[in-house]
Amino acid sequence: MVFENLLVVTLFSIGGGIFLLERVPLFQRQRIKRNGRWTTNLGILVIGSIVLALCFPVGPYAVAEMQPHGFLSSMEIPLGGQFVLVFLLLDFWRYWEHRIFHKVSLLWRAHLVHHSDTVIDVTTAERHHPLEALITTPLALMLVFALGLPAEGVGIYLLAAIASSLWVHSNLRFPGVFDSALRILVVTPAVHLIHHSSTQQQTDSNYGSILTVWDRLFGTYIDPANVHIPYFGLEYFHKTRDTTLFRTLLQPVLYRKNMPSSVREIQPELPSIKTTALSYEWQQALLY
C-alpha cells in the first residue's frame, strides 16, 4: 500500500507541475483553448482508477512483494543487474503490448480512446479507457508472477514509466538539441507526438514506453526530423460532441473498422514537425 501511495503522489506531483507549466504561454508548444476535454480526460482517469481498484485490489508491485524468492530472484545475478534486467524486460513487454493493441481490431477499440484526443497535453497521458486497463493489468500481474520479478525492480520501472508518460505527452517546448540528444536512448515528447498523429502510418510507429531501442530494432521508429504531422487525434471521433465524457467512453462501441473520415471541427492544422525514418543501414546495424 505504501508503494501504491507513492505512485499516486508521483502521478499528481509531476502531472500537476507539468499542468501548471503548460498554463504559461512562454512554455507552450501549442496554444490550447479551454474546453471540455480536460474534464473528460480527468473523468476517464477517475473512473478507470475506481474500476481497477474494485477489480484488482493488488497491483504488480504488491504481487512481486508477495513472492520475494521468485525465478529471477533465485538466479545468481547481482541486485543491480536484476534491476537492469527487469527494466529492459518490462519495457520490451510494454512495446509489444502497445504494438499489438494497434494491430488487433478488438484491442484497438479499447486503445483508440487514448488516440482520439485532438490536442496532446499532460492529461492525455492518463486518457485510457477502463476496458484497456482491465486487459493490460491482469497481463502485467501474470508476467510479474510467472517470472518472479523482484519488487524493487518492478517498483523502479513503474515510477519511471509514469514519469515518462507524463513528460512525453506534455504540451511544453523543449530545446531541439536537448531532445535530439535524449532520444538516442529514451522516448522524448518529439518522438511520441508522431505516435499521436492523425496519419495512420505515423500512428503505427514509435510504440516505445521509455526506451527507443525497441522501435529501432523492430523497424517502427520515426525520428523527429522531416515528416509533417497534419493533426493530432484520429481521422474519426474529432467532432465537438466527441470530446464529452459520455461520448468518449462509448467510442469502443461506436468504432467501426475502416470508419470514413469526417469533417474536422475542433483543431487547426499543426505547425510543421519535421521527421525522417531511421535509415535501413542503421536498422541493420542495430539488429546485427
C-alpha atoms as a PDB file:
ATOM      1  CA  MET A   1       0.000   0.000   0.000  1.00  0.00           C
ATOM      2  CA  VAL A   2       2.894   2.356   0.733  1.00  0.00           C
ATOM      3  CA  PHE A   3       4.258   1.954  -2.794  1.00  0.00           C
ATOM      4  CA  GLU A   4       0.812   2.397  -4.364  1.00  0.00           C
ATOM      5  CA  ASN A   5       0.516   5.684  -2.460  1.00  0.00           C
ATOM      6  CA  LEU A   6       3.940   6.678  -3.796  1.00  0.00           C
ATOM      7  CA  LEU A   7       2.711   6.052  -7.358  1.00  0.00           C
ATOM      8  CA  VAL A   8      -0.289   8.303  -6.735  1.00  0.00           C
ATOM      9  CA  VAL A   9       1.931  11.024  -5.251  1.00  0.00           C
ATOM     10  CA  THR A  10       4.277  10.752  -8.243  1.00  0.00           C
ATOM     11  CA  LEU A  11       1.380  10.993 -10.678  1.00  0.00           C
ATOM     12  CA  PHE A  12      -0.138  14.076  -9.090  1.00  0.00           C
ATOM     13  CA  SER A  13       3.168  15.788  -8.239  1.00  0.00           C
ATOM     14  CA  ILE A  14       4.771  15.501 -11.672  1.00  0.00           C
ATOM     15  CA  GLY A  15       1.465  15.743 -13.525  1.00  0.00           C
ATOM     16  CA  GLY A  16       0.363  18.774 -11.514  1.00  0.00           C
ATOM     17  CA  GLY A  17       3.701  20.514 -12.033  1.00  0.00           C
ATOM     18  CA  ILE A  18       3.586  19.961 -15.799  1.00  0.00           C
ATOM     19  CA  PHE A  19      -0.070  21.064 -15.891  1.00  0.00           C
ATOM     20  CA  LEU A  20       0.873  24.382 -14.249  1.00  0.00           C
ATOM     21  CA  LEU A  21       3.812  24.921 -16.616  1.00  0.00           C
ATOM     22  CA  GLU A  22       1.501  24.258 -19.568  1.00  0.00           C
ATOM     23  CA  ARG A  23      -0.583  27.248 -18.497  1.00  0.00           C
ATOM     24  CA  VAL A  24       2.375  29.606 -19.179  1.00  0.00           C
ATOM     25  CA  PRO A  25       2.254  30.742 -22.859  1.00  0.00           C
ATOM     26  CA  LEU A  26       6.044  31.055 -23.000  1.00  0.00           C
ATOM     27  CA  PHE A  27       6.468  27.327 -22.333  1.00  0.00           C
ATOM     28  CA  GLN A  28       3.649  26.042 -24.549  1.00  0.00           C
ATOM     29  CA  ARG A  29       4.288  24.028 -27.691  1.00  0.00           C
ATOM     30  CA  GLN A  30       0.756  24.741 -28.908  1.00  0.00           C
ATOM     31  CA  ARG A  31      -1.959  27.118 -27.687  1.00  0.00           C
ATOM     32  CA  ILE A  32      -4.858  25.147 -26.221  1.00  0.00           C
ATOM     33  CA  LYS A  33      -8.354  26.572 -25.816  1.00  0.00           C
ATOM     34  CA  ARG A  34     -10.210  25.789 -22.618  1.00  0.00           C
ATOM     35  CA  ASN A  35     -12.862  23.180 -23.376  1.00  0.00           C
ATOM     36  CA  GLY A  36     -14.410  20.013 -22.016  1.00  0.00           C
ATOM     37  CA  ARG A  37     -11.540  17.689 -22.938  1.00  0.00           C
ATOM     38  CA  TRP A  38      -9.746  18.324 -19.630  1.00  0.00           C
ATOM     39  CA  THR A  39     -12.875  17.298 -17.743  1.00  0.00           C
ATOM     40  CA  THR A  40     -13.191  14.265 -19.993  1.00  0.00           C
ATOM     41  CA  ASN A  41      -9.579  13.152 -19.563  1.00  0.00           C
ATOM     42  CA  LEU A  42      -9.611  13.576 -15.795  1.00  0.00           C
ATOM     43  CA  GLY A  43     -13.030  11.893 -15.638  1.00  0.00           C
ATOM     44  CA  ILE A  44     -11.658   8.872 -17.505  1.00  0.00           C
ATOM     45  CA  LEU A  45      -8.725   8.749 -15.049  1.00  0.00           C
ATOM     46  CA  VAL A  46     -11.057   8.753 -12.028  1.00  0.00           C
ATOM     47  CA  ILE A  47     -13.452   6.160 -13.479  1.00  0.00           C
ATOM     48  CA  GLY A  48     -10.601   3.918 -14.587  1.00  0.00           C
ATOM     49  CA  SER A  49      -8.922   4.131 -11.168  1.00  0.00           C
ATOM     50  CA  ILE A  50     -12.141   3.147  -9.397  1.00  0.00           C
ATOM     51  CA  VAL A  51     -12.768   0.233 -11.776  1.00  0.00           C
ATOM     52  CA  LEU A  52      -9.212  -1.045 -11.349  1.00  0.00           C
ATOM     53  CA  ALA A  53      -9.316  -0.739  -7.563  1.00  0.00           C
ATOM     54  CA  LEU A  54     -12.526  -2.776  -7.458  1.00  0.00           C
ATOM     55  CA  CYS A  55     -11.362  -5.473  -9.891  1.00  0.00           C
ATOM     56  CA  PHE A  56      -7.694  -5.718  -8.894  1.00  0.00           C
ATOM     57  CA  PRO A  57      -7.089  -4.792  -5.239  1.00  0.00           C
ATOM     58  CA  VAL A  58      -3.353  -5.530  -5.656  1.00  0.00           C
ATOM     59  CA  GLY A  59      -1.030  -4.226  -8.341  1.00  0.00           C
ATOM     60  CA  PRO A  60       2.172  -5.565  -9.955  1.00  0.00           C
ATOM     61  CA  TYR A  61       4.397  -4.298  -7.138  1.00  0.00           C
ATOM     62  CA  ALA A  62       2.268  -5.990  -4.450  1.00  0.00           C
ATOM     63  CA  VAL A  63       2.301  -9.262  -6.415  1.00  0.00           C
ATOM     64  CA  ALA A  64       6.093  -9.060  -6.705  1.00  0.00           C
ATOM     65  CA  GLU A  65       6.369  -8.390  -2.962  1.00  0.00           C
ATOM     66  CA  MET A  66       4.343 -11.499  -2.187  1.00  0.00           C
ATOM     67  CA  GLN A  67       6.937 -13.729  -3.900  1.00  0.00           C
ATOM     68  CA  PRO A  68      10.351 -12.393  -2.854  1.00  0.00           C
ATOM     69  CA  HIS A  69      12.089 -15.622  -3.936  1.00  0.00           C
ATOM     70  CA  GLY A  70      10.830 -15.885  -7.494  1.00  0.00           C
ATOM     71  CA  PHE A  71      12.564 -17.302 -10.550  1.00  0.00           C
ATOM     72  CA  LEU A  72      14.631 -14.231 -11.367  1.00  0.00           C
ATOM     73  CA  SER A  73      15.498 -13.592  -7.723  1.00  0.00           C
ATOM     74  CA  SER A  74      16.776 -17.161  -7.396  1.00  0.00           C
ATOM     75  CA  MET A  75      19.315 -16.651 -10.189  1.00  0.00           C
ATOM     76  CA  GLU A  76      22.805 -15.635  -9.141  1.00  0.00           C
ATOM     77  CA  ILE A  77      22.596 -12.133 -10.588  1.00  0.00           C
ATOM     78  CA  PRO A  78      23.719  -9.080  -8.567  1.00  0.00           C
ATOM     79  CA  LEU A  79      20.861  -6.859  -7.401  1.00  0.00           C
ATOM     80  CA  GLY A  80      21.874  -4.040  -9.766  1.00  0.00           C
ATOM     81  CA  GLY A  81      21.887  -6.476 -12.679  1.00  0.00           C
ATOM     82  CA  GLN A  82      18.427  -7.690 -11.685  1.00  0.00           C
ATOM     83  CA  PHE A  83      17.120  -4.112 -11.760  1.00  0.00           C
ATOM     84  CA  VAL A  84      18.520  -3.550 -15.255  1.00  0.00           C
ATOM     85  CA  LEU A  85      17.139  -6.874 -16.480  1.00  0.00           C
ATOM     86  CA  VAL A  86      13.660  -6.192 -15.038  1.00  0.00           C
ATOM     87  CA  PHE A  87      13.674  -2.683 -16.534  1.00  0.00           C
ATOM     88  CA  LEU A  88      14.548  -4.000 -20.003  1.00  0.00           C
ATOM     89  CA  LEU A  89      12.119  -6.889 -19.764  1.00  0.00           C
ATOM     90  CA  LEU A  90       9.147  -4.743 -18.728  1.00  0.00           C
ATOM     91  CA  ASP A  91       9.909  -2.070 -21.311  1.00  0.00           C
ATOM     92  CA  PHE A  92      10.214  -4.747 -24.006  1.00  0.00           C
ATOM     93  CA  TRP A  93       6.845  -6.151 -22.869  1.00  0.00           C
ATOM     94  CA  ARG A  94       5.221  -2.714 -22.962  1.00  0.00           C
ATOM     95  CA  TYR A  95       6.487  -2.137 -26.517  1.00  0.00           C
ATOM     96  CA  TRP A  96       4.948  -5.344 -27.865  1.00  0.00           C
ATOM     97  CA  GLU A  97       1.759  -4.981 -25.829  1.00  0.00           C
ATOM     98  CA  HIS A  98       1.283  -1.479 -27.220  1.00  0.00           C
ATOM     99  CA  ARG A  99       2.021  -2.589 -30.768  1.00  0.00           C
ATOM    100  CA  ILE A 100      -0.455  -5.492 -30.553  1.00  0.00           C
ATOM    101  CA  PHE A 101      -3.168  -3.143 -29.279  1.00  0.00           C
ATOM    102  CA  HIS A 102      -2.765  -1.225 -32.534  1.00  0.00           C
ATOM    103  CA  LYS A 103      -2.886  -4.313 -34.750  1.00  0.00           C
ATOM    104  CA  VAL A 104      -5.746  -6.364 -33.253  1.00  0.00           C
ATOM    105  CA  SER A 105      -9.123  -4.776 -34.017  1.00  0.00           C
ATOM    106  CA  LEU A 106     -10.818  -5.740 -30.744  1.00  0.00           C
ATOM    107  CA  LEU A 107      -7.905  -4.375 -28.710  1.00  0.00           C
ATOM    108  CA  TRP A 108      -7.754  -1.229 -30.833  1.00  0.00           C
ATOM    109  CA  ARG A 109     -11.359  -0.493 -29.818  1.00  0.00           C
ATOM    110  CA  ALA A 110     -10.201  -0.085 -26.228  1.00  0.00           C
ATOM    111  CA  HIS A 111      -6.950   1.723 -27.026  1.00  0.00           C
ATOM    112  CA  LEU A 112      -8.275   4.210 -29.596  1.00  0.00           C
ATOM    113  CA  VAL A 113      -9.684   6.427 -26.817  1.00  0.00           C
ATOM    114  CA  HIS A 114      -6.114   7.374 -25.937  1.00  0.00           C
ATOM    115  CA  HIS A 115      -5.557   8.404 -29.572  1.00  0.00           C
ATOM    116  CA  SER A 116      -8.820  10.255 -30.158  1.00  0.00           C
ATOM    117  CA  ASP A 117      -7.628  13.261 -28.156  1.00  0.00           C
ATOM    118  CA  THR A 118      -7.230  16.080 -30.686  1.00  0.00           C
ATOM    119  CA  VAL A 119      -4.793  18.036 -28.528  1.00  0.00           C
ATOM    120  CA  ILE A 120      -1.888  16.438 -26.675  1.00  0.00           C
ATOM    121  CA  ASP A 121      -1.041  17.608 -23.176  1.00  0.00           C
ATOM    122  CA  VAL A 122      -0.269  16.062 -19.808  1.00  0.00           C
ATOM    123  CA  THR A 123      -3.904  14.988 -19.284  1.00  0.00           C
ATOM    124  CA  THR A 124      -3.654  12.782 -22.401  1.00  0.00           C
ATOM    125  CA  ALA A 125      -1.144  10.598 -20.558  1.00  0.00           C
ATOM    126  CA  GLU A 126      -3.919   9.197 -18.344  1.00  0.00           C
ATOM    127  CA  ARG A 127      -6.633   9.102 -21.008  1.00  0.00           C
ATOM    128  CA  HIS A 128      -7.008   5.308 -21.127  1.00  0.00           C
ATOM    129  CA  HIS A 129     -10.414   3.658 -21.347  1.00  0.00           C
ATOM    130  CA  PRO A 130     -11.235   1.399 -18.363  1.00  0.00           C
ATOM    131  CA  LEU A 131     -11.544  -1.526 -20.808  1.00  0.00           C
ATOM    132  CA  GLU A 132      -7.886  -1.108 -21.768  1.00  0.00           C
ATOM    133  CA  ALA A 133      -6.792  -1.118 -18.134  1.00  0.00           C
ATOM    134  CA  LEU A 134      -8.891  -4.237 -17.475  1.00  0.00           C
ATOM    135  CA  ILE A 135      -6.908  -6.024 -20.204  1.00  0.00           C
ATOM    136  CA  THR A 136      -3.382  -4.750 -19.520  1.00  0.00           C
ATOM    137  CA  THR A 137      -3.434  -5.026 -15.712  1.00  0.00           C
ATOM    138  CA  PRO A 138      -4.020  -8.806 -15.404  1.00  0.00           C
ATOM    139  CA  LEU A 139      -1.439  -9.395 -18.146  1.00  0.00           C
ATOM    140  CA  ALA A 140       1.124  -7.408 -16.138  1.00  0.00           C
ATOM    141  CA  LEU A 141       0.206  -9.274 -12.956  1.00  0.00           C
ATOM    142  CA  MET A 142       0.671 -12.638 -14.691  1.00  0.00           C
ATOM    143  CA  LEU A 143       4.040 -11.583 -16.127  1.00  0.00           C
ATOM    144  CA  VAL A 144       5.347 -10.475 -12.730  1.00  0.00           C
ATOM    145  CA  PHE A 145       4.056 -13.663 -11.078  1.00  0.00           C
ATOM    146  CA  ALA A 146       5.266 -16.053 -13.784  1.00  0.00           C
ATOM    147  CA  LEU A 147       8.819 -14.671 -13.855  1.00  0.00           C
ATOM    148  CA  GLY A 148       9.063 -13.925 -10.138  1.00  0.00           C
ATOM    149  CA  LEU A 149      10.315 -10.394 -10.760  1.00  0.00           C
ATOM    150  CA  PRO A 150      11.831  -8.645  -7.707  1.00  0.00           C
ATOM    151  CA  ALA A 151       9.560  -5.989  -6.203  1.00  0.00           C
ATOM    152  CA  GLU A 152      12.266  -3.309  -6.145  1.00  0.00           C
ATOM    153  CA  GLY A 153      12.910  -3.652  -9.874  1.00  0.00           C
ATOM    154  CA  VAL A 154       9.183  -3.585 -10.669  1.00  0.00           C
ATOM    155  CA  GLY A 155       8.747  -0.503  -8.495  1.00  0.00           C
ATOM    156  CA  ILE A 156      11.584   1.395 -10.174  1.00  0.00           C
ATOM    157  CA  TYR A 157      10.169   0.655 -13.615  1.00  0.00           C
ATOM    158  CA  LEU A 158       6.617   1.674 -12.683  1.00  0.00           C
ATOM    159  CA  LEU A 159       7.800   5.015 -11.286  1.00  0.00           C
ATOM    160  CA  ALA A 160       9.935   5.656 -14.386  1.00  0.00           C
ATOM    161  CA  ALA A 161       7.072   4.690 -16.726  1.00  0.00           C
ATOM    162  CA  ILE A 162       4.627   7.089 -15.048  1.00  0.00           C
ATOM    163  CA  ALA A 163       7.122   9.967 -15.122  1.00  0.00           C
ATOM    164  CA  SER A 164       7.992   9.246 -18.765  1.00  0.00           C
ATOM    165  CA  SER A 165       4.349   9.099 -19.860  1.00  0.00           C
ATOM    166  CA  LEU A 166       3.536  12.448 -18.249  1.00  0.00           C
ATOM    167  CA  TRP A 167       6.619  14.077 -19.774  1.00  0.00           C
ATOM    168  CA  VAL A 168       6.262  12.781 -23.346  1.00  0.00           C
ATOM    169  CA  HIS A 169       2.617  13.903 -23.527  1.00  0.00           C
ATOM    170  CA  SER A 170       3.312  17.384 -22.149  1.00  0.00           C
ATOM    171  CA  ASN A 171       2.408  20.497 -24.127  1.00  0.00           C
ATOM    172  CA  LEU A 172       5.798  22.077 -23.447  1.00  0.00           C
ATOM    173  CA  ARG A 173       8.565  23.335 -25.687  1.00  0.00           C
ATOM    174  CA  PHE A 174      11.960  21.651 -25.352  1.00  0.00           C
ATOM    175  CA  PRO A 175      15.225  22.760 -26.966  1.00  0.00           C
ATOM    176  CA  GLY A 176      15.902  20.780 -30.138  1.00  0.00           C
ATOM    177  CA  VAL A 177      19.471  19.889 -29.124  1.00  0.00           C
ATOM    178  CA  PHE A 178      18.256  18.606 -25.743  1.00  0.00           C
ATOM    179  CA  ASP A 179      15.543  16.485 -27.349  1.00  0.00           C
ATOM    180  CA  SER A 180      17.875  15.146 -30.047  1.00  0.00           C
ATOM    181  CA  ALA A 181      20.463  14.018 -27.513  1.00  0.00           C
ATOM    182  CA  LEU A 182      17.929  12.270 -25.272  1.00  0.00           C
ATOM    183  CA  ARG A 183      16.060  10.402 -27.995  1.00  0.00           C
ATOM    184  CA  ILE A 184      19.167   8.416 -28.864  1.00  0.00           C
ATOM    185  CA  LEU A 185      18.211   6.364 -25.815  1.00  0.00           C
ATOM    186  CA  VAL A 186      14.815   7.398 -24.442  1.00  0.00           C
ATOM    187  CA  VAL A 187      11.424   8.422 -25.800  1.00  0.00           C
ATOM    188  CA  THR A 188      11.008  12.202 -25.847  1.00  0.00           C
ATOM    189  CA  PRO A 189       7.957  14.417 -26.491  1.00  0.00           C
ATOM    190  CA  ALA A 190       9.032  14.968 -30.114  1.00  0.00           C
ATOM    191  CA  VAL A 191       9.269  11.199 -30.662  1.00  0.00           C
ATOM    192  CA  HIS A 192       5.961  10.375 -29.022  1.00  0.00           C
ATOM    193  CA  LEU A 193       3.983  13.187 -30.690  1.00  0.00           C
ATOM    194  CA  ILE A 194       4.428  11.364 -34.008  1.00  0.00           C
ATOM    195  CA  HIS A 195       2.581   8.398 -32.485  1.00  0.00           C
ATOM    196  CA  HIS A 196      -0.438  10.665 -31.890  1.00  0.00           C
ATOM    197  CA  SER A 197      -0.630  11.848 -35.500  1.00  0.00           C
ATOM    198  CA  SER A 198      -3.909  11.556 -37.392  1.00  0.00           C
ATOM    199  CA  THR A 199      -1.986   9.811 -40.196  1.00  0.00           C
ATOM    200  CA  GLN A 200      -2.106   6.040 -39.648  1.00  0.00           C
ATOM    201  CA  GLN A 201       1.437   5.393 -40.873  1.00  0.00           C
ATOM    202  CA  GLN A 202       2.724   7.763 -38.210  1.00  0.00           C
ATOM    203  CA  THR A 203       0.312   6.469 -35.547  1.00  0.00           C
ATOM    204  CA  ASP A 204       1.652   2.958 -36.203  1.00  0.00           C
ATOM    205  CA  SER A 205       5.164   3.941 -35.141  1.00  0.00           C
ATOM    206  CA  ASN A 206       7.110   4.913 -32.012  1.00  0.00           C
ATOM    207  CA  TYR A 207       5.369   2.447 -29.697  1.00  0.00           C
ATOM    208  CA  GLY A 208       8.121   2.534 -27.060  1.00  0.00           C
ATOM    209  CA  SER A 209       7.261   3.438 -23.479  1.00  0.00           C
ATOM    210  CA  ILE A 210      10.635   4.596 -22.137  1.00  0.00           C
ATOM    211  CA  LEU A 211      13.404   3.352 -24.443  1.00  0.00           C
ATOM    212  CA  THR A 212      13.614   3.974 -28.200  1.00  0.00           C
ATOM    213  CA  VAL A 213      15.726   0.856 -28.796  1.00  0.00           C
ATOM    214  CA  TRP A 214      12.729  -1.448 -29.390  1.00  0.00           C
ATOM    215  CA  ASP A 215      11.293   0.735 -32.162  1.00  0.00           C
ATOM    216  CA  ARG A 216      14.736   0.974 -33.730  1.00  0.00           C
ATOM    217  CA  LEU A 217      15.291  -2.781 -33.588  1.00  0.00           C
ATOM    218  CA  PHE A 218      11.879  -3.768 -34.948  1.00  0.00           C
ATOM    219  CA  GLY A 219      11.589  -1.130 -37.685  1.00  0.00           C
ATOM    220  CA  THR A 220       8.845   1.067 -36.195  1.00  0.00           C
ATOM    221  CA  TYR A 221      10.962   4.100 -35.322  1.00  0.00           C
ATOM    222  CA  ILE A 222      10.423   7.509 -36.936  1.00  0.00           C
ATOM    223  CA  ASP A 223      12.935  10.100 -35.798  1.00  0.00           C
ATOM    224  CA  PRO A 224      11.718  13.705 -35.467  1.00  0.00           C
ATOM    225  CA  ALA A 225      13.387  15.409 -38.417  1.00  0.00           C
ATOM    226  CA  ASN A 226      11.424  15.736 -41.682  1.00  0.00           C
ATOM    227  CA  VAL A 227       7.828  14.373 -41.584  1.00  0.00           C
ATOM    228  CA  HIS A 228       4.851  16.683 -41.282  1.00  0.00           C
ATOM    229  CA  ILE A 229       2.167  15.824 -38.697  1.00  0.00           C
ATOM    230  CA  PRO A 230      -1.116  17.229 -40.076  1.00  0.00           C
ATOM    231  CA  TYR A 231      -3.239  16.890 -36.926  1.00  0.00           C
ATOM    232  CA  PHE A 232      -3.314  15.162 -33.576  1.00  0.00           C
ATOM    233  CA  GLY A 233      -6.021  12.565 -32.996  1.00  0.00           C
ATOM    234  CA  LEU A 234      -7.678  10.170 -35.436  1.00  0.00           C
ATOM    235  CA  GLU A 235      -9.386  10.537 -38.799  1.00  0.00           C
ATOM    236  CA  TYR A 236     -12.630   9.962 -36.897  1.00  0.00           C
ATOM    237  CA  PHE A 237     -14.003  10.965 -33.460  1.00  0.00           C
ATOM    238  CA  HIS A 238     -12.843  14.552 -33.801  1.00  0.00           C
ATOM    239  CA  LYS A 239     -16.113  16.470 -33.819  1.00  0.00           C
ATOM    240  CA  THR A 240     -17.044  18.744 -30.927  1.00  0.00           C
ATOM    241  CA  ARG A 241     -19.515  16.241 -29.490  1.00  0.00           C
ATOM    242  CA  ASP A 242     -16.789  13.579 -29.382  1.00  0.00           C
ATOM    243  CA  THR A 243     -14.999  15.470 -26.582  1.00  0.00           C
ATOM    244  CA  THR A 244     -17.686  14.788 -23.957  1.00  0.00           C
ATOM    245  CA  LEU A 245     -17.005  12.184 -21.269  1.00  0.00           C
ATOM    246  CA  PHE A 246     -20.031  10.032 -22.070  1.00  0.00           C
ATOM    247  CA  ARG A 247     -19.362  10.053 -25.810  1.00  0.00           C
ATOM    248  CA  THR A 248     -15.668   9.260 -25.273  1.00  0.00           C
ATOM    249  CA  LEU A 249     -16.487   6.262 -23.089  1.00  0.00           C
ATOM    250  CA  LEU A 250     -18.765   4.999 -25.873  1.00  0.00           C
ATOM    251  CA  GLN A 251     -16.074   5.207 -28.577  1.00  0.00           C
ATOM    252  CA  PRO A 252     -15.066   1.494 -28.349  1.00  0.00           C
ATOM    253  CA  VAL A 253     -18.701   0.624 -29.106  1.00  0.00           C
ATOM    254  CA  LEU A 254     -19.179   3.303 -31.768  1.00  0.00           C
ATOM    255  CA  TYR A 255     -15.986   2.353 -33.617  1.00  0.00           C
ATOM    256  CA  ARG A 256     -16.296   0.523 -36.935  1.00  0.00           C
ATOM    257  CA  LYS A 257     -13.384  -0.831 -38.960  1.00  0.00           C
ATOM    258  CA  ASN A 258     -12.470   1.465 -41.867  1.00  0.00           C
ATOM    259  CA  MET A 259     -14.594   4.280 -40.490  1.00  0.00           C
ATOM    260  CA  PRO A 260     -14.800   7.104 -43.040  1.00  0.00           C
ATOM    261  CA  SER A 261     -13.135  10.427 -42.352  1.00  0.00           C
ATOM    262  CA  SER A 262     -15.405  13.187 -41.120  1.00  0.00           C
ATOM    263  CA  VAL A 263     -15.188  16.961 -41.210  1.00  0.00           C
ATOM    264  CA  ARG A 264     -12.771  18.151 -38.531  1.00  0.00           C
ATOM    265  CA  GLU A 265     -14.424  20.771 -36.331  1.00  0.00           C
ATOM    266  CA  ILE A 266     -12.150  21.436 -33.393  1.00  0.00           C
ATOM    267  CA  GLN A 267      -8.479  21.753 -34.269  1.00  0.00           C
ATOM    268  CA  PRO A 268      -6.421  23.912 -36.636  1.00  0.00           C
ATOM    269  CA  GLU A 269      -3.512  22.461 -38.566  1.00  0.00           C
ATOM    270  CA  LEU A 270      -0.386  21.938 -36.511  1.00  0.00           C
ATOM    271  CA  PRO A 271       2.891  23.704 -37.109  1.00  0.00           C
ATOM    272  CA  SER A 272       5.263  21.537 -39.144  1.00  0.00           C
ATOM    273  CA  ILE A 273       7.180  18.931 -37.143  1.00  0.00           C
ATOM    274  CA  LYS A 274       9.948  17.534 -39.302  1.00  0.00           C
ATOM    275  CA  THR A 275      10.757  13.844 -39.038  1.00  0.00           C
ATOM    276  CA  THR A 276      12.653  11.228 -41.005  1.00  0.00           C
ATOM    277  CA  ALA A 277      12.660   7.446 -40.815  1.00  0.00           C
ATOM    278  CA  LEU A 278      15.729   5.674 -39.428  1.00  0.00           C
ATOM    279  CA  SER A 279      17.850   4.561 -42.361  1.00  0.00           C
ATOM    280  CA  TYR A 280      17.980   0.924 -43.455  1.00  0.00           C
ATOM    281  CA  GLU A 281      21.713   0.852 -42.676  1.00  0.00           C
ATOM    282  CA  TRP A 282      21.098   1.938 -39.078  1.00  0.00           C
ATOM    283  CA  GLN A 283      18.338  -0.644 -38.637  1.00  0.00           C
ATOM    284  CA  GLN A 284      20.690  -3.375 -39.856  1.00  0.00           C
ATOM    285  CA  ALA A 285      23.479  -2.127 -37.602  1.00  0.00           C
ATOM    286  CA  LEU A 286      21.208  -2.224 -34.565  1.00  0.00           C
ATOM    287  CA  LEU A 287      19.862  -5.659 -35.427  1.00  0.00           C
ATOM    288  CA  TYR A 288      23.174  -7.305 -36.291  1.00  0.00           C
END
